[in-house]
Amino acid sequence: MIPNDRLQQIKARLEYVEAQMAAGSGDIVALGREHAELSPVVRQILDYERLVADIADAEAMLADPEMKALAEDELYALRAQLPGSEKAMQLALLPRDAADARPAMLEIRPGTGGDEAGLFASDLARMYQRYAEAQGWRWEVIEEQLSELGGVKELVVRIAGDGVFARMKFESGVHRVQRVPETESGGRIHTSAATVAVLPEAEEVDIAINAQDIRIDTMRSSGAGGQHVNTTDSAVRITHIPTGLVVTSSEKSQHRNREIAMQVLRARLFDLERSKADAERSADRKAQVGSGDRSERIRTYNFPQGRLTDHRIGLTLYRLEAIMGGDLDEIIDALTTEHQAALLAEMQG
């Protein structure tokens, strides 16, 4: 159970923030953000405290013979609500990932499996795009390289909207597919893979990039199969020398390409910083939903059986067609719940 003094501290902090906002003092933007974070937590605390007080009142009524039967009925109903109220309050108190509300950079690349891996990467991209559209999110292609068969060689997309990173962050890892490729004449099932990375968008204040740490090269943009789509040196490649990270962007405007490539580079460097901090925090344990390591196999899509299995939480669903059509809520909800359970266990332990 959460100590009462901690609950009182949170309530007192909200009162302080509200007083500062009313007085117009301090950083109004930062205060507004903190108020938005604290308000739902305090609402859950107050609901829980009211329930505990109602239970105490009903227990006191048991001493009155005339009120005993009524009190017993009331107590039964109130005590039944207690575990749910306590759980809701604990979830509200869980530490928030500061990046949850941010837009995300989605990167998809084929893994083992040749052309079929590229086609599967394309299917994953379509699945995520449909999910994003269903959520009302904005889908902006930053970099796209396609094979002659229409498979993805590399795709980088910016997804913006409410709570994008919070919903998408557990998608990072190796996605494996088992199916008969369109290019297979013998009807044999092949196994191939694609790698997905979901990074929170970084702002300039998060990551400072020194000019001397990057090398910027310009080159000609090329389309599927290496065909030149224009003859100007508009594509931009930025190499971050200290880490060896390389980012390319090939829109028609060189200025816009430089801006996009820096945006992607910041996101990748920010992700490295977050991963390093997570590794230090989690040195003696592994999160239930996996480490987020991009080399970790997280999910298998078995087309002949219409089955999806998420290996991190042992979830198997037999509705692969709907999932590939963008119906991801059940999987994402299950991963989020498992993650919350791990955080609760850590908080209570």
Protein backbone atom coordinates (compact mmCIF):
# COMPACT_ATOMS: atom_id res chain seq x y z
CA MET A 1 0.00 0.00 0.00
CA ILE A 2 1.20 3.53 -0.78
CA PRO A 3 2.19 5.50 2.35
CA ASN A 4 -0.36 8.15 3.31
CA ASP A 5 2.29 10.87 3.68
CA ARG A 6 3.22 10.44 0.01
CA LEU A 7 -0.41 10.92 -1.02
CA GLN A 8 -0.60 14.10 1.07
CA GLN A 9 2.62 15.40 -0.52
CA ILE A 10 1.12 14.99 -4.00
CA LYS A 11 -2.06 16.84 -3.00
CA ALA A 12 0.00 19.62 -1.41
CA ARG A 13 2.09 19.92 -4.56
CA LEU A 14 -1.01 20.40 -6.71
CA GLU A 15 -2.26 23.11 -4.34
CA TYR A 16 1.12 24.86 -4.62
CA VAL A 17 1.10 24.66 -8.43
CA GLU A 18 -2.46 26.05 -8.56
CA ALA A 19 -1.47 28.90 -6.24
CA GLN A 20 1.55 29.75 -8.43
CA MET A 21 -0.61 29.73 -11.55
CA ALA A 22 -3.26 31.93 -9.93
CA ALA A 23 -0.55 34.41 -8.88
CA GLY A 24 0.95 34.37 -12.38
CA SER A 25 4.41 33.62 -11.02
CA GLY A 26 7.00 31.11 -12.21
CA ASP A 27 7.22 29.35 -15.58
CA ILE A 28 3.56 29.25 -16.64
CA VAL A 29 4.17 26.65 -19.36
CA ALA A 30 6.01 24.30 -16.98
CA LEU A 31 3.39 24.86 -14.27
CA GLY A 32 0.59 24.12 -16.73
CA ARG A 33 2.29 20.89 -17.77
CA GLU A 34 2.75 19.82 -14.14
CA HIS A 35 -0.86 20.74 -13.33
CA ALA A 36 -2.08 18.57 -16.23
CA GLU A 37 -0.01 15.66 -14.91
CA LEU A 38 -0.98 16.05 -11.24
CA SER A 39 -4.73 16.73 -11.61
CA PRO A 40 -5.80 13.19 -12.67
CA VAL A 41 -3.54 11.69 -9.98
CA VAL A 42 -5.09 13.83 -7.24
CA ARG A 43 -8.60 12.99 -8.51
CA GLN A 44 -7.83 9.29 -8.04
CA ILE A 45 -6.39 9.95 -4.57
CA LEU A 46 -9.50 11.91 -3.52
CA ASP A 47 -11.81 9.19 -4.88
CA TYR A 48 -9.87 6.58 -2.90
CA GLU A 49 -9.88 8.67 0.29
CA ARG A 50 -13.65 9.26 0.00
CA LEU A 51 -14.21 5.53 -0.35
CA VAL A 52 -12.06 4.77 2.73
CA ALA A 53 -13.96 7.43 4.72
CA ASP A 54 -17.32 5.97 3.61
CA ILE A 55 -16.19 2.52 4.74
CA ALA A 56 -15.17 3.91 8.14
CA ASP A 57 -18.58 5.62 8.50
CA ALA A 58 -20.41 2.40 7.60
CA GLU A 59 -18.30 0.42 10.08
CA ALA A 60 -19.21 2.91 12.82
CA MET A 61 -22.91 2.39 12.00
CA LEU A 62 -22.59 -1.34 12.81
CA ALA A 63 -22.75 -0.49 16.53
CA ASP A 64 -26.31 0.82 16.10
CA PRO A 65 -28.74 -2.18 16.12
CA GLU A 66 -31.28 -0.26 14.03
CA MET A 67 -28.70 0.62 11.38
CA LYS A 68 -26.72 -2.63 11.40
CA ALA A 69 -28.48 -4.37 8.49
CA LEU A 70 -28.27 -1.26 6.30
CA ALA A 71 -24.61 -0.75 7.27
CA GLU A 72 -23.74 -4.34 6.40
CA ASP A 73 -25.25 -3.98 2.90
CA GLU A 74 -23.45 -0.68 2.39
CA LEU A 75 -20.16 -2.11 3.63
CA TYR A 76 -20.39 -5.04 1.25
CA ALA A 77 -20.84 -2.68 -1.73
CA LEU A 78 -18.14 -0.24 -0.59
CA ARG A 79 -15.53 -2.91 0.15
CA ALA A 80 -16.13 -4.44 -3.29
CA GLN A 81 -15.07 -1.10 -4.83
CA LEU A 82 -11.89 -0.79 -2.75
CA PRO A 83 -9.45 -3.00 -4.76
CA GLY A 84 -10.41 -1.29 -8.03
CA SER A 85 -10.05 2.18 -6.52
CA GLU A 86 -6.68 1.33 -5.01
CA LYS A 87 -5.44 -0.14 -8.32
CA ALA A 88 -6.61 2.96 -10.24
CA MET A 89 -4.75 5.19 -7.79
CA GLN A 90 -1.58 3.09 -8.04
CA LEU A 91 -1.68 3.25 -11.83
CA ALA A 92 -2.14 7.02 -11.68
CA LEU A 93 0.94 7.22 -9.44
CA LEU A 94 3.18 5.21 -11.77
CA PRO A 95 6.20 7.15 -13.06
CA ARG A 96 5.43 8.70 -16.43
CA ASP A 97 7.72 8.33 -19.42
CA ALA A 98 8.33 11.97 -20.31
CA ALA A 99 8.42 11.00 -24.00
CA ASP A 100 4.96 9.35 -24.03
CA ALA A 101 3.15 12.42 -25.36
CA ARG A 102 5.70 13.09 -28.10
CA PRO A 103 5.45 12.37 -31.83
CA ALA A 104 7.45 9.32 -32.91
CA MET A 105 9.89 8.41 -35.64
CA LEU A 106 9.01 4.98 -37.07
CA GLU A 107 11.80 3.18 -38.93
CA ILE A 108 11.22 -0.08 -40.81
CA ARG A 109 13.92 -2.11 -42.58
CA PRO A 110 13.91 -5.65 -44.03
CA GLY A 111 15.95 -8.29 -42.25
CA THR A 112 16.74 -11.84 -43.37
CA GLY A 113 14.67 -13.19 -46.25
CA GLY A 114 15.61 -11.21 -49.37
CA ASP A 115 12.74 -9.83 -51.47
CA GLU A 116 10.12 -11.42 -49.21
CA ALA A 117 11.55 -9.53 -46.20
CA GLY A 118 11.12 -6.27 -48.12
CA LEU A 119 7.52 -7.14 -49.01
CA PHE A 120 6.80 -8.00 -45.37
CA ALA A 121 8.37 -4.68 -44.29
CA SER A 122 5.95 -3.01 -46.73
CA ASP A 123 3.02 -4.91 -45.15
CA LEU A 124 4.09 -3.74 -41.68
CA ALA A 125 4.27 -0.15 -42.93
CA ARG A 126 0.72 -0.44 -44.29
CA MET A 127 -0.46 -1.94 -40.99
CA TYR A 128 1.00 0.94 -38.98
CA GLN A 129 -0.31 3.55 -41.41
CA ARG A 130 -3.86 2.18 -41.08
CA TYR A 131 -3.53 2.12 -37.30
CA ALA A 132 -2.28 5.73 -37.33
CA GLU A 133 -5.19 6.81 -39.54
CA ALA A 134 -7.69 5.07 -37.21
CA GLN A 135 -6.18 7.02 -34.29
CA GLY A 136 -6.44 10.31 -36.16
CA TRP A 137 -2.64 10.69 -36.24
CA ARG A 138 -0.65 12.41 -38.98
CA TRP A 139 1.60 10.13 -41.09
CA GLU A 140 4.51 11.92 -42.77
CA VAL A 141 7.00 9.93 -44.85
CA ILE A 142 10.53 11.22 -44.21
CA GLU A 143 12.56 8.69 -46.22
CA GLU A 144 11.35 5.83 -48.42
CA GLN A 145 13.38 3.45 -50.57
CA LEU A 146 11.48 0.71 -52.42
CA SER A 147 12.63 -2.36 -54.31
CA GLU A 148 11.55 -3.14 -57.87
CA LEU A 149 8.92 -5.52 -56.42
CA GLY A 150 7.48 -2.72 -54.27
CA GLY A 151 9.04 -3.95 -51.05
CA VAL A 152 10.54 -1.58 -48.51
CA LYS A 153 14.32 -1.21 -48.45
CA GLU A 154 14.10 1.54 -45.84
CA LEU A 155 11.22 3.60 -44.49
CA VAL A 156 11.35 6.45 -41.98
CA VAL A 157 8.04 8.05 -40.99
CA ARG A 158 7.12 10.80 -38.54
CA ILE A 159 3.85 10.10 -36.72
CA ALA A 160 2.24 13.00 -34.85
CA GLY A 161 -0.87 13.10 -32.66
CA ASP A 162 -2.09 12.45 -29.12
CA GLY A 163 0.03 9.95 -27.17
CA VAL A 164 1.79 8.53 -30.24
CA PHE A 165 4.98 7.31 -28.55
CA ALA A 166 3.05 5.89 -25.56
CA ARG A 167 1.04 3.63 -27.92
CA MET A 168 3.81 2.77 -30.38
CA LYS A 169 6.91 2.34 -28.23
CA PHE A 170 6.53 -1.42 -27.67
CA GLU A 171 6.69 -2.10 -31.43
CA SER A 172 10.49 -1.85 -31.53
CA GLY A 173 12.22 -5.13 -32.34
CA VAL A 174 12.39 -7.92 -34.91
CA HIS A 175 9.07 -8.95 -36.47
CA ARG A 176 9.14 -12.41 -38.05
CA VAL A 177 6.77 -13.67 -40.75
CA GLN A 178 5.97 -17.23 -41.83
CA ARG A 179 4.08 -17.50 -45.14
CA VAL A 180 4.23 -18.64 -48.75
CA PRO A 181 5.82 -15.76 -50.70
CA GLU A 182 4.17 -14.53 -53.89
CA THR A 183 7.45 -15.29 -55.63
CA GLU A 184 7.41 -18.93 -54.44
CA SER A 185 6.08 -21.34 -57.09
CA GLY A 186 6.37 -24.50 -55.00
CA GLY A 187 4.02 -23.37 -52.25
CA ARG A 188 6.64 -23.70 -49.51
CA ILE A 189 6.41 -21.62 -46.34
CA HIS A 190 9.32 -19.23 -45.90
CA THR A 191 10.45 -17.40 -42.77
CA SER A 192 11.73 -13.85 -43.07
CA ALA A 193 11.96 -10.80 -40.86
CA ALA A 194 11.84 -7.03 -40.66
CA THR A 195 13.19 -4.68 -38.02
CA VAL A 196 11.05 -1.91 -36.51
CA ALA A 197 12.37 0.98 -34.44
CA VAL A 198 10.10 3.53 -32.75
CA LEU A 199 11.92 6.60 -31.43
CA PRO A 200 10.47 9.59 -29.58
CA GLU A 201 10.95 12.81 -31.51
CA ALA A 202 13.71 14.91 -29.99
CA GLU A 203 13.76 18.67 -29.67
CA GLU A 204 16.85 20.83 -29.98
CA VAL A 205 16.84 21.37 -26.22
CA ASP A 206 17.09 17.58 -25.69
CA ILE A 207 20.11 16.97 -27.88
CA ALA A 208 22.80 19.51 -28.75
CA ILE A 209 24.68 18.55 -31.91
CA ASN A 210 28.02 20.26 -32.44
CA ALA A 211 28.72 21.34 -36.02
CA GLN A 212 32.20 19.77 -35.88
CA ASP A 213 30.66 16.39 -34.97
CA ILE A 214 28.77 16.00 -38.23
CA ARG A 215 29.68 15.58 -41.89
CA ILE A 216 27.09 16.59 -44.50
CA ASP A 217 27.24 15.14 -48.02
CA THR A 218 24.90 15.85 -50.93
CA MET A 219 24.05 13.29 -53.60
CA ARG A 220 21.51 12.59 -56.29
CA SER A 221 18.10 11.32 -55.26
CA SER A 222 17.20 7.91 -56.65
CA GLY A 223 13.96 5.98 -56.94
CA ALA A 224 13.09 2.28 -56.99
CA GLY A 225 15.75 0.14 -58.62
CA GLY A 226 18.26 2.98 -58.50
CA GLN A 227 16.63 5.06 -61.23
CA HIS A 228 17.37 8.76 -60.92
CA VAL A 229 14.22 10.78 -60.25
CA ASN A 230 15.97 14.10 -60.82
CA THR A 231 19.38 15.35 -61.86
CA THR A 232 20.07 17.77 -59.01
CA ASP A 233 22.18 16.91 -55.98
CA SER A 234 19.26 17.33 -53.60
CA ALA A 235 19.58 14.27 -51.32
CA VAL A 236 21.43 14.85 -48.06
CA ARG A 237 23.43 12.38 -45.99
CA ILE A 238 24.51 13.39 -42.49
CA THR A 239 27.12 11.35 -40.61
CA HIS A 240 27.42 11.82 -36.85
CA ILE A 241 31.14 11.20 -36.39
CA PRO A 242 31.24 10.33 -32.63
CA THR A 243 28.60 7.57 -32.95
CA GLY A 244 28.89 6.61 -36.62
CA LEU A 245 25.13 7.17 -37.13
CA VAL A 246 24.23 7.94 -40.76
CA VAL A 247 20.96 9.60 -41.79
CA THR A 248 19.76 10.32 -45.33
CA SER A 249 16.85 12.30 -46.73
CA SER A 250 15.95 12.65 -50.39
CA GLU A 251 13.09 15.10 -50.78
CA LYS A 252 13.33 17.52 -53.73
CA SER A 253 14.46 20.45 -51.56
CA GLN A 254 18.04 20.22 -50.30
CA HIS A 255 17.27 22.69 -47.50
CA ARG A 256 14.29 20.61 -46.39
CA ASN A 257 16.42 17.44 -46.59
CA ARG A 258 18.99 18.90 -44.24
CA GLU A 259 16.22 19.88 -41.80
CA ILE A 260 14.63 16.39 -41.97
CA ALA A 261 17.94 14.55 -41.62
CA MET A 262 18.87 16.61 -38.55
CA GLN A 263 15.44 15.86 -37.08
CA VAL A 264 15.96 12.11 -37.56
CA LEU A 265 19.52 12.29 -36.26
CA ARG A 266 18.35 14.07 -33.09
CA ALA A 267 15.70 11.37 -32.55
CA ARG A 268 18.30 8.59 -32.88
CA LEU A 269 20.78 10.31 -30.55
CA PHE A 270 17.97 10.98 -28.05
CA ASP A 271 17.01 7.29 -28.23
CA LEU A 272 20.64 6.32 -27.53
CA GLU A 273 20.67 8.57 -24.45
CA ARG A 274 17.35 7.11 -23.22
CA SER A 275 18.54 3.54 -23.84
CA LYS A 276 21.72 4.21 -21.88
CA ALA A 277 19.73 5.67 -18.96
CA ASP A 278 17.30 2.72 -19.06
CA ALA A 279 20.18 0.23 -19.05
CA GLU A 280 21.70 1.89 -15.99
CA ARG A 281 18.34 1.88 -14.20
CA SER A 282 17.59 -1.70 -15.20
CA ALA A 283 21.02 -3.25 -14.71
CA ASP A 284 19.65 -5.88 -12.31
CA ARG A 285 16.36 -6.64 -14.06
CA LYS A 286 14.75 -6.94 -17.49
CA ALA A 287 11.42 -5.28 -18.26
CA GLN A 288 8.57 -7.74 -18.79
CA VAL A 289 7.87 -6.43 -22.29
CA GLY A 290 11.47 -6.83 -23.36
CA SER A 291 14.51 -4.63 -23.41
CA GLY A 292 13.52 -2.67 -26.51
CA ASP A 293 16.65 -4.03 -28.18
CA ARG A 294 16.11 -3.79 -31.95
CA SER A 295 17.78 -7.20 -32.37
CA GLU A 296 15.24 -8.91 -30.12
CA ARG A 297 12.59 -11.04 -31.85
CA ILE A 298 9.32 -9.79 -30.44
CA ARG A 299 6.57 -11.14 -32.65
CA THR A 300 5.72 -13.82 -35.22
CA TYR A 301 3.06 -13.43 -37.93
CA ASN A 302 2.01 -16.90 -39.16
CA PHE A 303 -0.15 -16.43 -42.26
CA PRO A 304 -1.08 -20.08 -42.99
CA GLN A 305 -2.60 -20.35 -39.48
CA GLY A 306 -3.87 -16.74 -39.31
CA ARG A 307 -1.97 -16.46 -36.04
CA LEU A 308 0.02 -13.70 -34.36
CA THR A 309 2.20 -14.40 -31.33
CA ASP A 310 3.87 -11.74 -29.21
CA HIS A 311 6.75 -13.62 -27.56
CA ARG A 312 7.37 -11.06 -24.81
CA ILE A 313 4.04 -11.64 -23.07
CA GLY A 314 2.98 -14.99 -24.54
CA LEU A 315 -0.03 -13.48 -26.30
CA THR A 316 -1.47 -15.44 -29.25
CA LEU A 317 -4.30 -14.11 -31.40
CA TYR A 318 -6.02 -15.87 -34.32
CA ARG A 319 -7.14 -12.84 -36.30
CA LEU A 320 -4.12 -11.94 -38.33
CA GLU A 321 -6.05 -10.40 -41.22
CA ALA A 322 -7.67 -7.78 -38.97
CA ILE A 323 -4.32 -7.03 -37.29
CA MET A 324 -2.57 -6.53 -40.63
CA GLY A 325 -5.44 -4.18 -41.45
CA GLY A 326 -4.38 -1.94 -38.56
CA ASP A 327 -6.40 -3.38 -35.65
CA LEU A 328 -3.58 -3.23 -33.10
CA ASP A 329 -5.37 -2.03 -29.96
CA GLU A 330 -5.67 -5.45 -28.30
CA ILE A 331 -1.93 -6.12 -28.64
CA ILE A 332 -0.88 -2.63 -27.57
CA ASP A 333 -3.28 -2.67 -24.60
CA ALA A 334 -1.89 -6.04 -23.45
CA LEU A 335 1.71 -4.81 -23.71
CA THR A 336 0.85 -1.62 -21.85
CA THR A 337 -0.90 -3.57 -19.07
CA GLU A 338 2.10 -5.90 -18.70
CA HIS A 339 4.44 -2.92 -18.54
CA GLN A 340 2.26 -1.27 -15.87
CA ALA A 341 2.21 -4.50 -13.85
CA ALA A 342 6.01 -4.61 -13.94
CA LEU A 343 6.21 -0.97 -12.80
CA LEU A 344 3.71 -1.65 -9.97
CA ALA A 345 5.72 -4.65 -8.79
CA GLU A 346 8.86 -2.52 -8.84
CA MET A 347 7.15 0.32 -6.96
CA GLN A 348 5.83 -2.03 -4.28
CA GLY A 349 9.04 -4.00 -4.03
